[in-house]
């Protein structure tokens, strides 16, 4: 599998999708690791795959705030999030735990 198609941390990816389904926005403050936040939590690996797959879209915010960009789910992203979260819930607890530990 090509490296550009890999989701580095699947549990974080699903967590971000779940929070964005609830209407929270992903805030991208810098290009470094840990440059994204959602609901006060640092997002380490999920911004790049979300963006690359067209699941998020930048939204306009306060024009005076030029330091951070805010993102919400696209319609495609919402559909994907619905399916991904439903699939995640169907997984046995031990499998979800293993994914959280291994990424």
C-alpha atoms as a PDB file:
ATOM      1  CA  UNK A   1       0.000   0.000   0.000  1.00  0.00           C
ATOM      2  CA  UNK A   2       1.448   3.420  -0.908  1.00  0.00           C
ATOM      3  CA  UNK A   3       2.467   5.534   2.084  1.00  0.00           C
ATOM      4  CA  UNK A   4       0.243   8.434   0.991  1.00  0.00           C
ATOM      5  CA  UNK A   5      -2.879   6.242   1.425  1.00  0.00           C
ATOM      6  CA  UNK A   6      -2.094   5.195   4.995  1.00  0.00           C
ATOM      7  CA  UNK A   7      -3.986   6.668   7.952  1.00  0.00           C
ATOM      8  CA  UNK A   8      -1.296   6.808  10.672  1.00  0.00           C
ATOM      9  CA  UNK A   9      -3.643   6.653  13.681  1.00  0.00           C
ATOM     10  CA  UNK A  10      -7.029   5.124  12.882  1.00  0.00           C
ATOM     11  CA  UNK A  11      -8.443   5.638  16.379  1.00  0.00           C
ATOM     12  CA  UNK A  12      -7.592   9.353  16.342  1.00  0.00           C
ATOM     13  CA  UNK A  13      -9.015   9.607  12.816  1.00  0.00           C
ATOM     14  CA  UNK A  14     -12.362   8.119  13.910  1.00  0.00           C
ATOM     15  CA  UNK A  15     -12.399  10.270  17.062  1.00  0.00           C
ATOM     16  CA  UNK A  16     -11.954  13.428  14.987  1.00  0.00           C
ATOM     17  CA  UNK A  17     -14.686  12.339  12.567  1.00  0.00           C
ATOM     18  CA  UNK A  18     -17.028  11.615  15.498  1.00  0.00           C
ATOM     19  CA  UNK A  19     -16.445  15.058  17.020  1.00  0.00           C
ATOM     20  CA  UNK A  20     -16.845  16.806  13.681  1.00  0.00           C
ATOM     21  CA  UNK A  21     -20.146  14.950  13.111  1.00  0.00           C
ATOM     22  CA  UNK A  22     -21.347  16.658  16.288  1.00  0.00           C
ATOM     23  CA  UNK A  23     -20.641  20.044  14.696  1.00  0.00           C
ATOM     24  CA  UNK A  24     -17.240  20.830  16.208  1.00  0.00           C
ATOM     25  CA  UNK A  25     -14.644  22.447  13.985  1.00  0.00           C
ATOM     26  CA  UNK A  26     -11.055  21.379  13.529  1.00  0.00           C
ATOM     27  CA  UNK A  27      -8.679  24.295  14.121  1.00  0.00           C
ATOM     28  CA  UNK A  28      -5.386  24.221  12.230  1.00  0.00           C
ATOM     29  CA  UNK A  29      -2.990  26.662  13.849  1.00  0.00           C
ATOM     30  CA  UNK A  30       0.411  25.599  12.519  1.00  0.00           C
ATOM     31  CA  UNK A  31       2.023  23.144  10.151  1.00  0.00           C
ATOM     32  CA  UNK A  32       3.996  21.374  12.855  1.00  0.00           C
ATOM     33  CA  UNK A  33       3.041  18.179  14.628  1.00  0.00           C
ATOM     34  CA  UNK A  34       0.254  18.947  17.041  1.00  0.00           C
ATOM     35  CA  UNK A  35      -0.742  22.054  15.114  1.00  0.00           C
ATOM     36  CA  UNK A  36      -4.419  21.095  15.109  1.00  0.00           C
ATOM     37  CA  UNK A  37      -6.993  21.120  17.877  1.00  0.00           C
ATOM     38  CA  UNK A  38     -10.532  19.859  18.249  1.00  0.00           C
ATOM     39  CA  UNK A  39     -12.540  20.304  21.424  1.00  0.00           C
ATOM     40  CA  UNK A  40      -9.345  21.275  23.268  1.00  0.00           C
ATOM     41  CA  UNK A  41      -7.486  18.103  22.272  1.00  0.00           C
ATOM     42  CA  UNK A  42      -4.410  18.007  20.082  1.00  0.00           C
ATOM     43  CA  UNK A  43      -4.801  16.212  16.754  1.00  0.00           C
ATOM     44  CA  UNK A  44      -1.434  14.774  15.770  1.00  0.00           C
ATOM     45  CA  UNK A  45      -1.973  12.729  12.608  1.00  0.00           C
ATOM     46  CA  UNK A  46      -5.471  13.125  11.181  1.00  0.00           C
ATOM     47  CA  UNK A  47      -5.451  16.550   9.515  1.00  0.00           C
ATOM     48  CA  UNK A  48      -3.446  15.447   6.486  1.00  0.00           C
ATOM     49  CA  UNK A  49      -5.597  12.406   5.580  1.00  0.00           C
ATOM     50  CA  UNK A  50      -8.825  14.325   6.203  1.00  0.00           C
ATOM     51  CA  UNK A  51      -7.661  17.066   3.882  1.00  0.00           C
ATOM     52  CA  UNK A  52      -6.134  14.769   1.252  1.00  0.00           C
ATOM     53  CA  UNK A  53      -9.316  12.679   0.945  1.00  0.00           C
ATOM     54  CA  UNK A  54     -11.528  15.789   0.654  1.00  0.00           C
ATOM     55  CA  UNK A  55     -13.400  15.082   3.882  1.00  0.00           C
ATOM     56  CA  UNK A  56     -12.950  18.582   5.343  1.00  0.00           C
ATOM     57  CA  UNK A  57     -13.294  22.083   3.970  1.00  0.00           C
ATOM     58  CA  UNK A  58     -12.043  25.378   5.337  1.00  0.00           C
ATOM     59  CA  UNK A  59     -14.743  27.709   6.649  1.00  0.00           C
ATOM     60  CA  UNK A  60     -14.604  31.487   7.025  1.00  0.00           C
ATOM     61  CA  UNK A  61     -14.102  32.811  10.525  1.00  0.00           C
ATOM     62  CA  UNK A  62     -13.234  36.123  12.111  1.00  0.00           C
ATOM     63  CA  UNK A  63     -11.215  38.026   9.443  1.00  0.00           C
ATOM     64  CA  UNK A  64      -8.993  39.483  12.180  1.00  0.00           C
ATOM     65  CA  UNK A  65      -7.822  35.999  13.164  1.00  0.00           C
ATOM     66  CA  UNK A  66      -5.178  35.222  10.560  1.00  0.00           C
ATOM     67  CA  UNK A  67      -3.306  32.657  12.637  1.00  0.00           C
ATOM     68  CA  UNK A  68      -5.737  29.747  12.542  1.00  0.00           C
ATOM     69  CA  UNK A  69      -7.848  28.081   9.880  1.00  0.00           C
ATOM     70  CA  UNK A  70     -11.097  26.347  10.809  1.00  0.00           C
ATOM     71  CA  UNK A  71     -12.458  23.256   9.045  1.00  0.00           C
ATOM     72  CA  UNK A  72     -15.768  21.405   8.950  1.00  0.00           C
ATOM     73  CA  UNK A  73     -16.857  18.189   7.271  1.00  0.00           C
ATOM     74  CA  UNK A  74     -17.786  18.312   3.610  1.00  0.00           C
ATOM     75  CA  UNK A  75     -20.954  16.475   2.530  1.00  0.00           C
ATOM     76  CA  UNK A  76     -18.682  13.638   1.398  1.00  0.00           C
ATOM     77  CA  UNK A  77     -16.918  13.806   4.761  1.00  0.00           C
ATOM     78  CA  UNK A  78     -20.203  13.633   6.671  1.00  0.00           C
ATOM     79  CA  UNK A  79     -21.266  10.532   4.741  1.00  0.00           C
ATOM     80  CA  UNK A  80     -17.854   8.941   5.301  1.00  0.00           C
ATOM     81  CA  UNK A  81     -17.933   9.864   9.014  1.00  0.00           C
ATOM     82  CA  UNK A  82     -21.367   8.270   9.424  1.00  0.00           C
ATOM     83  CA  UNK A  83     -20.149   5.010   7.897  1.00  0.00           C
ATOM     84  CA  UNK A  84     -16.765   5.030   9.687  1.00  0.00           C
ATOM     85  CA  UNK A  85     -18.311   5.692  13.115  1.00  0.00           C
ATOM     86  CA  UNK A  86     -20.941   2.992  12.600  1.00  0.00           C
ATOM     87  CA  UNK A  87     -18.230   0.522  11.553  1.00  0.00           C
ATOM     88  CA  UNK A  88     -16.105   1.485  14.579  1.00  0.00           C
ATOM     89  CA  UNK A  89     -19.016   0.867  16.972  1.00  0.00           C
ATOM     90  CA  UNK A  90     -19.587  -2.605  15.500  1.00  0.00           C
ATOM     91  CA  UNK A  91     -16.010  -3.680  16.252  1.00  0.00           C
ATOM     92  CA  UNK A  92     -15.423  -5.775  19.373  1.00  0.00           C
ATOM     93  CA  UNK A  93     -14.037  -3.898  22.347  1.00  0.00           C
ATOM     94  CA  UNK A  94     -10.694  -5.734  22.274  1.00  0.00           C
ATOM     95  CA  UNK A  95     -10.203  -4.879  18.587  1.00  0.00           C
ATOM     96  CA  UNK A  96     -10.913  -1.188  19.249  1.00  0.00           C
ATOM     97  CA  UNK A  97      -8.468  -1.274  22.151  1.00  0.00           C
ATOM     98  CA  UNK A  98      -5.801  -2.894  19.988  1.00  0.00           C
ATOM     99  CA  UNK A  99      -6.278  -0.219  17.313  1.00  0.00           C
ATOM    100  CA  UNK A 100      -5.996   2.508  19.944  1.00  0.00           C
ATOM    101  CA  UNK A 101      -2.746   1.015  21.227  1.00  0.00           C
ATOM    102  CA  UNK A 102      -1.212   0.257  17.825  1.00  0.00           C
ATOM    103  CA  UNK A 103      -2.557   3.217  15.862  1.00  0.00           C
END
